[in-house]
Protein backbone atom coordinates (compact mmCIF):
# COMPACT_ATOMS: atom_id res chain seq x y z
CA MET A 1 11.49 32.03 3.56
CA LYS A 2 9.49 30.25 1.06
CA LYS A 3 10.47 27.34 -0.98
CA HIS A 4 9.15 24.93 -3.37
CA ILE A 5 7.98 21.45 -2.99
CA SER A 6 6.11 19.44 -5.56
CA LEU A 7 2.75 17.62 -5.04
CA VAL A 8 1.91 14.37 -6.80
CA CYS A 9 -0.93 12.09 -7.56
CA LEU A 10 -3.73 10.33 -5.75
CA ALA A 11 -3.62 6.57 -5.36
CA ALA A 12 -6.48 4.61 -6.88
CA ILE A 13 -8.21 1.97 -4.82
CA LEU A 14 -8.78 -1.35 -6.58
CA ILE A 15 -11.61 -3.53 -5.30
CA SER A 16 -11.77 -7.09 -6.54
CA ALA A 17 -14.98 -9.09 -6.53
CA LEU A 18 -15.29 -12.85 -6.50
CA SER A 19 -18.15 -14.40 -8.41
CA ALA A 20 -19.33 -17.96 -8.51
CA CYS A 21 -21.99 -19.58 -10.66
CA GLY A 22 -23.62 -22.96 -10.51
CA GLU A 23 -21.17 -24.45 -7.99
CA GLU A 24 -22.36 -22.10 -5.23
CA ALA A 25 -25.24 -24.36 -4.20
CA ALA A 26 -22.91 -27.32 -3.78
CA LYS A 27 -20.67 -25.54 -1.26
CA THR A 28 -21.04 -26.25 2.42
CA PRO A 29 -20.94 -23.41 4.99
CA ASP A 30 -17.47 -24.60 6.03
CA ASP A 31 -16.31 -24.44 2.41
CA THR A 32 -17.62 -20.89 2.07
CA GLN A 33 -16.01 -19.75 5.32
CA ALA A 34 -12.68 -21.32 4.36
CA ALA A 35 -12.77 -19.66 0.96
CA GLY A 36 -13.55 -16.31 2.51
CA THR A 37 -10.71 -16.70 5.02
CA GLN A 38 -8.29 -17.60 2.25
CA ALA A 39 -9.38 -14.63 0.13
CA THR A 40 -8.92 -12.28 3.09
CA ALA A 41 -5.46 -13.65 3.78
CA GLU A 42 -4.45 -13.27 0.14
CA THR A 43 -5.75 -9.69 0.06
CA GLU A 44 -3.85 -8.78 3.20
CA ALA A 45 -0.71 -10.44 1.88
CA ALA A 46 -0.95 -8.41 -1.31
CA GLU A 47 -0.99 -5.08 0.51
CA PRO A 48 2.44 -3.37 0.41
CA GLU A 49 4.18 -3.13 3.75
CA GLN A 50 4.54 0.39 5.09
CA VAL A 51 8.10 1.71 4.93
CA LEU A 52 9.26 2.90 8.37
CA TYR A 53 12.38 5.00 8.01
CA SER A 54 12.93 5.13 11.76
CA LYS A 55 13.65 1.39 11.76
CA ASP A 56 16.63 1.87 9.44
CA VAL A 57 18.43 4.83 11.04
CA PRO A 58 22.05 4.24 12.11
CA VAL A 59 22.07 3.51 15.86
CA GLN A 60 24.79 4.57 18.29
CA ASP A 61 25.14 4.53 22.05
CA PHE A 62 25.80 8.06 23.28
CA GLY A 63 26.41 7.04 26.86
CA GLY A 64 23.58 8.98 28.50
CA ALA A 65 24.57 12.37 27.02
CA GLU A 66 22.06 15.21 27.19
CA PHE A 67 20.41 16.31 23.97
CA ARG A 68 19.39 19.92 24.58
CA VAL A 69 16.63 21.35 22.40
CA TYR A 70 15.30 24.92 22.30
CA THR A 71 11.79 25.29 20.89
CA SER A 72 8.26 26.51 21.60
CA ASN A 73 4.72 25.16 21.40
CA ASN A 74 2.74 28.28 20.48
CA ILE A 75 2.70 30.87 17.72
CA ASN A 76 1.77 34.37 18.86
CA GLY A 77 -0.06 32.89 21.83
CA TYR A 78 -2.06 30.35 19.81
CA GLU A 79 -1.51 26.69 20.57
CA TYR A 80 -2.91 23.99 18.31
CA PRO A 81 -1.68 20.47 17.55
CA THR A 82 0.02 21.99 14.47
CA THR A 83 2.03 24.46 16.60
CA LEU A 84 3.51 21.83 18.92
CA ASN A 85 7.15 20.83 18.82
CA TYR A 86 7.35 19.07 22.18
CA GLY A 87 5.22 16.77 24.31
CA ALA A 88 6.13 17.07 27.99
CA GLU A 89 3.76 14.27 29.01
CA GLU A 90 1.02 12.11 27.56
CA THR A 91 -2.27 14.00 27.42
CA GLY A 92 -4.46 11.93 25.11
CA GLU A 93 -4.06 14.50 22.30
CA VAL A 94 -2.70 12.48 19.40
CA VAL A 95 -0.02 14.84 18.08
CA ASN A 96 1.26 15.71 21.54
CA ASP A 97 1.49 12.01 22.41
CA ALA A 98 3.32 11.25 19.15
CA LEU A 99 5.92 13.86 20.08
CA PHE A 100 6.18 12.46 23.60
CA ALA A 101 6.67 8.95 22.17
CA ARG A 102 9.29 10.26 19.72
CA ASP A 103 11.49 11.53 22.53
CA ARG A 104 11.15 8.32 24.55
CA TRP A 105 12.12 6.38 21.40
CA LEU A 106 15.09 8.67 20.88
CA GLU A 107 16.25 8.18 24.46
CA ASP A 108 15.89 4.40 24.32
CA THR A 109 17.46 4.01 20.88
CA TYR A 110 20.49 6.25 21.40
CA ASN A 111 20.95 6.22 25.18
CA VAL A 112 20.51 9.98 25.53
CA LYS A 113 18.50 12.25 27.78
CA THR A 114 16.35 14.82 25.97
CA VAL A 115 16.27 18.19 27.74
CA TYR A 116 13.89 20.85 26.39
CA ASP A 117 13.87 24.60 26.84
CA CYS A 118 10.31 25.23 25.63
CA ASP A 119 10.11 29.04 25.44
CA GLU A 120 6.47 30.14 25.47
CA THR A 121 7.00 33.85 26.22
CA THR A 122 9.60 35.20 23.79
CA ALA A 123 8.28 36.52 20.47
CA ALA A 124 9.76 34.89 17.36
CA ALA A 125 11.77 37.93 16.25
CA ALA A 126 13.19 38.36 19.75
CA MET A 127 14.16 34.68 19.81
CA ALA A 128 16.67 35.30 17.02
CA GLN A 129 18.32 38.07 19.02
CA LYS A 130 18.27 36.06 22.24
CA LEU A 131 19.73 32.94 20.66
CA SER A 132 22.31 34.75 18.54
CA LYS A 133 23.70 36.48 21.64
CA ILE A 134 24.07 33.11 23.36
CA ILE A 135 25.76 31.53 20.35
CA MET A 136 28.03 34.48 19.53
CA ALA A 137 29.20 34.48 23.15
CA GLY A 138 30.41 30.91 22.60
CA ASP A 139 27.88 29.35 24.95
CA ASP A 140 27.00 25.84 23.75
CA ALA A 141 23.67 25.86 25.60
CA TYR A 142 21.75 24.00 22.86
CA ASP A 143 22.35 21.10 20.50
CA LEU A 144 19.28 21.78 18.34
CA ILE A 145 16.94 24.72 17.77
CA VAL A 146 13.51 24.17 16.24
CA GLN A 147 11.83 27.49 15.46
CA ASP A 148 10.02 29.38 12.73
CA ILE A 149 11.82 30.09 9.48
CA ALA A 150 10.79 33.68 8.78
CA GLN A 151 12.15 35.25 11.93
CA ALA A 152 14.04 33.01 14.35
CA SER A 153 15.86 30.78 11.85
CA TYR A 154 16.40 33.65 9.40
CA GLY A 155 17.86 35.81 12.16
CA LEU A 156 20.28 33.07 13.15
CA ALA A 157 21.34 32.30 9.59
CA SER A 158 21.86 35.97 8.72
CA ARG A 159 24.20 36.30 11.71
CA ASN A 160 26.19 33.20 10.70
CA CYS A 161 25.15 31.44 13.92
CA ILE A 162 24.11 28.09 12.46
CA TYR A 163 25.59 25.43 10.23
CA PRO A 164 24.15 24.72 6.80
CA LEU A 165 22.58 21.30 7.29
CA ASN A 166 24.50 19.83 4.35
CA TYR A 167 27.74 20.63 6.21
CA ILE A 168 26.83 18.05 8.87
CA ASP A 169 27.55 14.65 7.34
CA THR A 170 25.56 12.69 9.95
CA ILE A 171 22.31 14.24 8.66
CA ARG A 172 21.21 12.02 5.78
CA LEU A 173 19.70 14.64 3.50
CA ASP A 174 19.33 12.14 0.66
CA GLN A 175 16.61 10.25 2.56
CA PRO A 176 12.97 10.74 1.49
CA TYR A 177 11.94 12.18 4.86
CA TRP A 178 14.22 15.16 4.14
CA MET A 179 12.49 15.80 0.78
CA PRO A 180 15.80 16.07 -1.12
CA GLU A 181 14.46 17.48 -4.38
CA LEU A 182 12.83 20.39 -2.61
CA ASN A 183 15.82 21.05 -0.39
CA GLU A 184 18.12 21.19 -3.40
CA ALA A 185 16.09 24.15 -4.67
CA LEU A 186 16.32 25.85 -1.27
CA LYS A 187 20.07 26.11 -1.07
CA ILE A 188 21.68 29.54 -0.81
CA ALA A 189 25.18 29.65 -2.29
CA GLY A 190 25.20 25.88 -1.96
CA GLY A 191 24.21 25.81 1.71
CA LEU A 192 20.92 24.46 3.09
CA TYR A 193 19.80 26.71 5.94
CA TYR A 194 16.04 26.27 5.64
CA SER A 195 14.79 22.75 5.08
CA ALA A 196 11.65 20.89 4.24
CA GLN A 197 11.37 17.89 6.56
CA ALA A 198 9.02 15.93 8.79
CA LEU A 199 10.64 16.76 12.13
CA SER A 200 8.14 19.41 13.25
CA PRO A 201 4.32 19.25 13.06
CA ARG A 202 4.47 22.93 12.10
CA PHE A 203 5.58 21.96 8.62
CA TYR A 204 2.20 20.29 8.17
CA GLY A 205 0.38 23.28 9.63
CA SER A 206 2.07 25.77 7.33
CA VAL A 207 0.72 24.82 3.92
CA TYR A 208 -1.94 26.71 2.00
CA VAL A 209 -4.81 24.74 0.50
CA ILE A 210 -8.09 25.49 -1.24
CA GLN A 211 -11.01 24.86 1.09
CA PHE A 212 -14.28 24.45 -0.78
CA ASN A 213 -17.81 24.45 0.57
CA ARG A 214 -19.22 21.09 -0.46
CA ASP A 215 -22.79 22.13 0.30
CA VAL A 216 -22.56 25.09 -2.10
CA ALA A 217 -20.95 22.88 -4.75
CA LYS A 218 -23.90 20.47 -4.45
CA GLN A 219 -26.47 23.29 -4.60
CA LEU A 220 -24.90 24.52 -7.84
CA ASP A 221 -24.66 20.98 -9.23
CA MET A 222 -20.94 21.40 -9.84
CA GLU A 223 -18.68 18.73 -11.21
CA ASP A 224 -16.86 16.34 -8.88
CA LEU A 225 -13.94 18.54 -7.85
CA TYR A 226 -11.97 15.65 -6.38
CA GLN A 227 -12.16 13.89 -9.72
CA THR A 228 -11.13 17.11 -11.44
CA VAL A 229 -7.98 17.10 -9.31
CA SER A 230 -7.35 13.41 -9.99
CA ASP A 231 -7.72 13.97 -13.74
CA GLY A 232 -5.14 16.78 -13.66
CA LYS A 233 -7.76 19.35 -14.67
CA TRP A 234 -7.88 21.46 -11.51
CA THR A 235 -6.47 24.67 -13.02
CA TRP A 236 -6.43 28.41 -12.38
CA ASP A 237 -8.96 28.98 -15.17
CA LYS A 238 -11.24 26.28 -13.73
CA MET A 239 -11.20 27.89 -10.28
CA LYS A 240 -11.94 31.33 -11.73
CA SER A 241 -14.84 30.00 -13.77
CA LEU A 242 -16.45 28.16 -10.86
CA SER A 243 -15.97 31.19 -8.59
CA ARG A 244 -17.91 33.33 -11.03
CA ASP A 245 -20.68 30.74 -11.16
CA ALA A 246 -21.06 30.86 -7.37
CA LEU A 247 -21.63 34.62 -7.15
CA SER A 248 -25.15 35.42 -5.94
CA ASP A 249 -26.94 38.43 -4.46
CA LEU A 250 -28.86 36.20 -2.09
CA ASN A 251 -31.08 38.88 -0.57
CA GLY A 252 -31.61 40.77 -3.83
CA ASP A 253 -30.68 44.18 -2.44
CA GLY A 254 -28.35 45.03 -5.33
CA LYS A 255 -25.15 45.09 -3.28
CA MET A 256 -22.67 42.44 -2.26
CA ASP A 257 -21.92 41.99 1.44
CA GLU A 258 -21.65 39.24 4.05
CA ASN A 259 -25.31 38.33 3.49
CA ASP A 260 -24.60 37.25 -0.08
CA ARG A 261 -22.53 34.46 -1.63
CA PHE A 262 -19.03 34.89 -3.02
CA GLY A 263 -16.98 32.64 -5.25
CA MET A 264 -13.70 33.15 -3.45
CA ILE A 265 -12.30 34.64 -0.24
CA TYR A 266 -8.60 35.48 -0.37
CA GLU A 267 -6.13 36.75 2.23
CA VAL A 268 -2.72 38.42 2.25
CA LEU A 269 -0.69 35.30 1.37
CA THR A 270 -3.14 33.85 -1.17
CA PRO A 271 -1.46 35.49 -4.20
CA GLU A 272 1.89 34.01 -3.22
CA ALA A 273 0.29 30.60 -2.65
CA LEU A 274 -1.32 30.75 -6.09
CA VAL A 275 1.87 31.88 -7.83
CA LEU A 276 3.85 29.01 -6.31
CA GLY A 277 0.99 26.61 -7.02
CA MET A 278 1.32 27.56 -10.67
CA GLY A 279 4.97 26.56 -10.63
CA ARG A 280 6.49 30.06 -10.38
CA HIS A 281 8.59 31.96 -7.84
CA TYR A 282 9.32 35.61 -7.24
CA VAL A 283 12.94 34.67 -6.50
CA GLN A 284 14.24 31.43 -7.91
CA ASN A 285 17.34 29.30 -7.55
CA VAL A 286 18.84 29.37 -11.04
CA GLY A 287 22.03 27.39 -11.52
CA GLY A 288 22.82 27.59 -7.82
CA SER A 289 22.34 31.35 -7.63
CA LEU A 290 19.27 33.40 -6.69
CA LYS A 291 17.51 35.48 -9.30
CA SER A 292 14.52 37.81 -9.21
CA MET A 293 11.88 36.63 -11.69
CA LEU A 294 9.82 39.84 -11.71
CA GLU A 295 10.83 40.55 -15.30
CA ASP A 296 9.85 37.09 -16.54
CA PRO A 297 6.91 37.56 -18.96
CA GLY A 298 5.20 34.39 -17.80
CA LEU A 299 5.21 35.42 -14.13
CA VAL A 300 4.16 38.99 -14.95
CA SER A 301 1.22 37.69 -17.00
CA ILE A 302 0.07 35.46 -14.13
CA MET A 303 0.28 38.33 -11.64
CA GLN A 304 -1.65 40.70 -13.88
CA ASP A 305 -4.39 38.14 -14.52
CA MET A 306 -4.64 37.38 -10.80
CA ALA A 307 -4.92 41.06 -9.87
CA ALA A 308 -7.69 41.52 -12.42
CA PHE A 309 -9.59 38.51 -11.04
CA PHE A 310 -9.31 39.75 -7.45
CA GLN A 311 -11.16 42.90 -8.51
CA GLU A 312 -14.16 40.96 -9.84
CA PRO A 313 -17.37 41.01 -7.77
CA CYS A 314 -17.17 37.26 -7.05
CA VAL A 315 -14.00 37.75 -4.98
CA THR A 316 -13.58 39.41 -1.59
CA TYR A 317 -10.47 40.17 0.48
CA ASP A 318 -10.34 38.91 4.06
CA VAL A 319 -8.93 41.82 6.04
CA SER A 320 -10.17 43.48 9.23
CA ASN A 321 -11.24 46.75 7.59
CA ALA A 322 -12.91 45.18 4.55
CA LYS A 323 -16.45 46.15 3.58
CA VAL A 324 -17.44 42.49 3.68
CA ASP A 325 -17.24 40.64 7.02
CA CYS A 326 -15.50 37.44 5.91
CA GLU A 327 -15.88 35.82 9.33
CA VAL A 328 -19.65 35.97 8.84
CA LEU A 329 -19.24 34.51 5.34
CA LEU A 330 -17.18 31.68 6.78
CA GLN A 331 -19.56 30.84 9.60
CA ASN A 332 -22.63 31.01 7.36
CA GLY A 333 -20.98 29.13 4.52
CA ASN A 334 -21.68 31.87 1.97
CA TYR A 335 -18.68 31.12 -0.23
CA LEU A 336 -17.40 28.46 -2.59
CA PHE A 337 -13.62 28.73 -2.21
CA ARG A 338 -11.24 30.13 0.37
CA ASN A 339 -7.50 29.73 0.85
CA PRO A 340 -6.59 28.90 4.46
CA CYS A 341 -3.32 27.73 5.92
CA THR A 342 -3.59 24.22 7.38
CA PHE A 343 -2.57 25.78 10.70
CA ASP A 344 -6.09 27.28 10.83
CA LEU A 345 -8.09 24.15 10.11
CA ALA A 346 -8.15 23.01 13.73
CA ALA A 347 -10.31 26.06 14.51
CA TYR A 348 -13.02 24.94 12.09
CA ARG A 349 -14.11 21.63 13.58
CA ASP A 350 -17.65 22.83 14.23
CA LEU A 351 -18.60 24.59 11.00
CA PRO A 352 -22.27 23.83 10.26
CA TYR A 353 -21.57 22.60 6.73
CA ASP A 354 -19.28 20.19 4.94
CA TYR A 355 -16.07 21.35 3.37
CA GLY A 356 -13.38 19.62 1.39
CA ILE A 357 -9.71 20.23 0.71
CA LEU A 358 -8.17 20.79 -2.74
CA PRO A 359 -4.60 21.61 -3.76
CA MET A 360 -3.61 24.97 -5.18
CA PRO A 361 -4.67 24.94 -8.85
CA LYS A 362 -2.24 24.32 -11.68
CA LEU A 363 -1.51 27.05 -14.20
CA ASP A 364 -2.85 24.70 -16.90
CA GLU A 365 -3.31 20.99 -17.55
CA ALA A 366 0.20 20.72 -19.00
CA GLN A 367 1.75 21.44 -15.58
CA ASP A 368 3.42 18.29 -14.31
CA ALA A 369 2.12 18.32 -10.72
CA TYR A 370 0.22 20.24 -8.04
CA TYR A 371 2.45 22.41 -5.82
CA ALA A 372 1.79 23.69 -2.33
CA TYR A 373 3.15 26.79 -0.58
CA SER A 374 4.53 26.62 2.97
CA GLN A 375 4.42 29.97 4.73
CA PRO A 376 7.50 30.70 6.85
CA TRP A 377 5.84 32.25 9.91
CA ALA A 378 3.98 29.03 10.68
CA THR A 379 6.51 26.41 9.67
CA ALA A 380 9.58 25.51 11.70
CA CYS A 381 12.85 23.89 10.76
CA PRO A 382 15.74 22.38 12.74
CA VAL A 383 18.99 24.34 12.93
CA ILE A 384 22.23 23.45 14.70
CA PRO A 385 24.32 26.19 16.33
CA ILE A 386 27.98 26.72 15.41
CA THR A 387 29.00 26.33 19.05
CA LEU A 388 28.92 22.55 18.52
CA THR A 389 32.06 20.91 17.16
CA GLY A 390 33.60 17.48 16.87
CA ASP A 391 31.72 14.59 18.49
CA ALA A 392 28.99 16.91 19.83
CA LEU A 393 28.23 18.15 16.31
CA SER A 394 28.23 14.62 14.92
CA ARG A 395 25.87 13.45 17.69
CA ALA A 396 23.48 16.37 17.10
CA GLY A 397 23.33 15.44 13.42
CA VAL A 398 22.54 11.78 14.15
CA LEU A 399 19.77 12.68 16.59
CA THR A 400 18.28 15.39 14.35
CA ASP A 401 18.19 12.95 11.44
CA ALA A 402 16.52 10.31 13.63
CA MET A 403 13.87 12.81 14.80
CA ALA A 404 13.05 13.61 11.17
CA ALA A 405 12.73 9.91 10.30
CA TYR A 406 10.46 9.23 13.27
CA GLY A 407 8.46 12.35 12.47
CA TYR A 408 7.77 11.11 8.97
CA ASP A 409 6.72 7.68 10.22
CA TYR A 410 4.51 8.70 13.16
CA VAL A 411 4.08 12.47 13.68
CA ARG A 412 3.05 13.14 10.09
CA PRO A 413 0.13 10.65 10.09
CA ALA A 414 -0.95 11.89 13.52
CA VAL A 415 -1.30 15.41 12.12
CA PHE A 416 -2.93 14.28 8.87
CA GLU A 417 -5.54 12.01 10.39
CA ASN A 418 -6.44 13.95 13.52
CA VAL A 419 -5.95 17.61 12.64
CA ILE A 420 -6.08 18.34 8.93
CA GLN A 421 -8.69 15.76 7.96
CA LEU A 422 -11.43 17.41 10.00
CA LYS A 423 -15.20 17.18 9.78
CA GLY A 424 -15.53 18.29 6.17
CA ALA A 425 -12.45 16.41 5.01
CA ARG A 426 -13.22 13.06 6.59
CA ASP A 427 -14.00 11.37 3.36
CA GLU A 428 -11.49 9.09 1.76
CA ARG A 429 -10.94 11.11 -1.39
CA SER A 430 -10.23 14.37 0.39
CA GLY A 431 -7.83 12.49 2.64
CA GLN A 432 -5.95 11.20 -0.40
CA ILE A 433 -5.64 14.74 -1.71
CA ILE A 434 -4.18 15.89 1.60
CA ASP A 435 -1.57 13.14 1.36
CA MET A 436 -0.76 14.26 -2.17
CA ILE A 437 -0.48 17.94 -1.24
CA PHE A 438 2.35 17.33 1.19
CA GLU A 439 4.47 15.47 -1.35
CA ASN A 440 5.19 18.69 -3.28
CA VAL A 441 5.57 21.63 -0.92
CA THR A 442 7.58 24.75 -1.72
CA PHE A 443 8.90 27.90 -0.03
CA GLU A 444 9.38 31.42 -1.38
CA LEU A 445 12.75 32.93 -0.55
CA SER A 446 11.68 36.52 -1.10
CA THR A 447 9.26 36.22 1.81
CA ILE A 448 11.96 35.05 4.21
CA LEU A 449 14.90 37.08 3.07
CA GLN A 450 12.84 40.15 1.99
CA PHE A 451 15.50 41.29 -0.56
CA GLY A 452 15.10 45.00 -0.05
CA SER A 453 11.53 46.00 -0.89
CA LEU A 454 10.78 43.04 -3.14
CA TYR A 455 8.45 41.29 -0.70
CA THR A 456 6.42 44.38 0.14
CA THR A 457 6.17 45.27 -3.56
CA THR A 458 4.64 41.93 -4.55
CA THR A 459 2.36 41.87 -1.49
CA ASN A 460 1.04 45.43 -1.92
CA TYR A 461 0.29 44.79 -5.58
CA PHE A 462 -2.49 42.38 -4.56
CA THR A 463 -3.65 44.13 -1.39
CA SER A 464 -3.38 47.84 -0.57
CA GLY A 465 -2.32 48.66 -4.12
CA LEU A 466 -4.80 46.38 -5.91
CA GLY A 467 -5.93 48.04 -9.11
CA LYS A 468 -3.78 51.12 -8.44
CA GLN A 469 -0.44 50.08 -9.91
CA ASP A 470 1.20 48.03 -12.64
CA ILE A 471 3.54 45.33 -11.42
CA THR A 472 6.15 46.09 -14.07
CA SER A 473 6.51 49.74 -13.07
CA ALA A 474 6.24 48.86 -9.35
CA TYR A 475 9.14 46.42 -9.67
CA ALA A 476 11.20 48.87 -11.71
CA LYS A 477 11.25 51.20 -8.68
CA VAL A 478 12.81 48.55 -6.41
CA LYS A 479 14.78 46.49 -8.95
CA GLU A 480 18.23 47.91 -8.21
CA LYS A 481 17.74 47.76 -4.44
CA SER A 482 16.41 44.19 -4.63
CA GLU A 483 19.19 42.92 -6.87
CA THR A 484 21.78 44.50 -4.59
CA ALA A 485 20.19 42.80 -1.57
CA ILE A 486 20.23 39.43 -3.33
CA GLY A 487 23.88 39.89 -4.24
CA THR A 488 24.78 40.86 -0.68
CA ILE A 489 23.12 37.77 0.79
CA ILE A 490 24.78 35.46 -1.74
CA GLU A 491 28.17 37.01 -0.99
CA GLN A 492 27.66 36.70 2.78
CA PHE A 493 26.74 33.02 2.67
CA THR A 494 29.47 32.23 0.14
CA GLU A 495 32.15 33.75 2.37
CA TYR A 496 30.73 32.06 5.47
CA GLN A 497 30.75 28.62 3.87
CA ALA A 498 34.23 29.12 2.45
CA ASP A 499 35.41 29.88 5.97
CA LEU A 500 33.58 26.83 7.38
CA TYR A 501 35.03 24.40 4.90
CA GLY A 502 38.43 26.05 5.00
CA ASN A 503 38.62 25.44 8.73
CA ASN A 504 37.27 21.90 8.55
């Protein structure tokens, strides 16, 4: 599932200077030291105090009850700091230790015992089947499940095995660490099944960004791209123009391959990330209902322009059977822009050149903010099984809410500072942009819920079918099937929630 979160601005840093004229010579060393100490104290006093949401959560004593969590620490066998959901012990790795500290804090604050089933062998799709069988059999084995959205959480929601989070009144969804504006747009028939939140580090590993090669930008004497972002001028047209400027047949052999320089490398989810970055969705929450937007002229125009750009010589597609070896391009730095998921950044610590991080570009300068796309195979969200009732359900809500608050306060900065802000992003301005990116993240529902053939239609248009089909005619072939699928899902969740609230 994909949904939409907004990104906002970068903070400016104000530096004040003290100047003194003729009186300077009359000051003694003690006077100067005292003045400096006073100035430092005043500066520190003026700095705003950091808000810690975990200090304001409602506290209860749960009498030593077990809090049973099902999760995993790897994705398809890969384990990075951004795939972790659980720290079994302190290891010295910052994100792991933040998760370990979170659970000790939870135990001390609420008098509970955290018990994890960290499943490292079951594939994500199979997890949905495994867990749904447990839940549908009435076995209350788990109080909380933290797994990927696209397969595990979707499978549970589609089988009516989990509560919508807004049904559980001890989860404080109005708090900033639950990103309430985004979550409002993610509701299905009024129920929030997939949430944006700070509970899992995977949320911060799931977002697509624009990685730019700072060395190439310097060689081409390009404008300050960080300033372009800050000025609100980082747009789709700007990125296209700079990509074209970067194109170069470096060896002069008349053909473009991995030995030459490209303006942009894109992958299978790049088109979706760009569409959402430009403030659009394939399926959108309109008035509380879901609607396909594939007949919206504005979206169609964006898609057509994007498909045309992807066919230009300055762009290459990163796929295993491509004519251009994009791994060689990456390692050699023969590109200006590429569009990785933050999940991947941990693998690029040792690149032999500097790179920076930019948000997805705006459609134009009139767009109100920069938006980021969270892909649902990498991100994870908390869900609570319907086997919990009464006090057990209330307790699970309190503890889930507390984990999200602590995650925002301590897990989020651990991921930002030690994983995402890597070698090429360890300058202050790039770090500010990373902070900004995660203030406006969004999902795309058509990716999670599929809606018939809608997802494959939009994906193929930019990949296997690039340049071979028109998006309008391609959508016309699946329109009826897709609209029926949307209607079926809305009806299912509407009936499920009516039953929930009717039995409350």
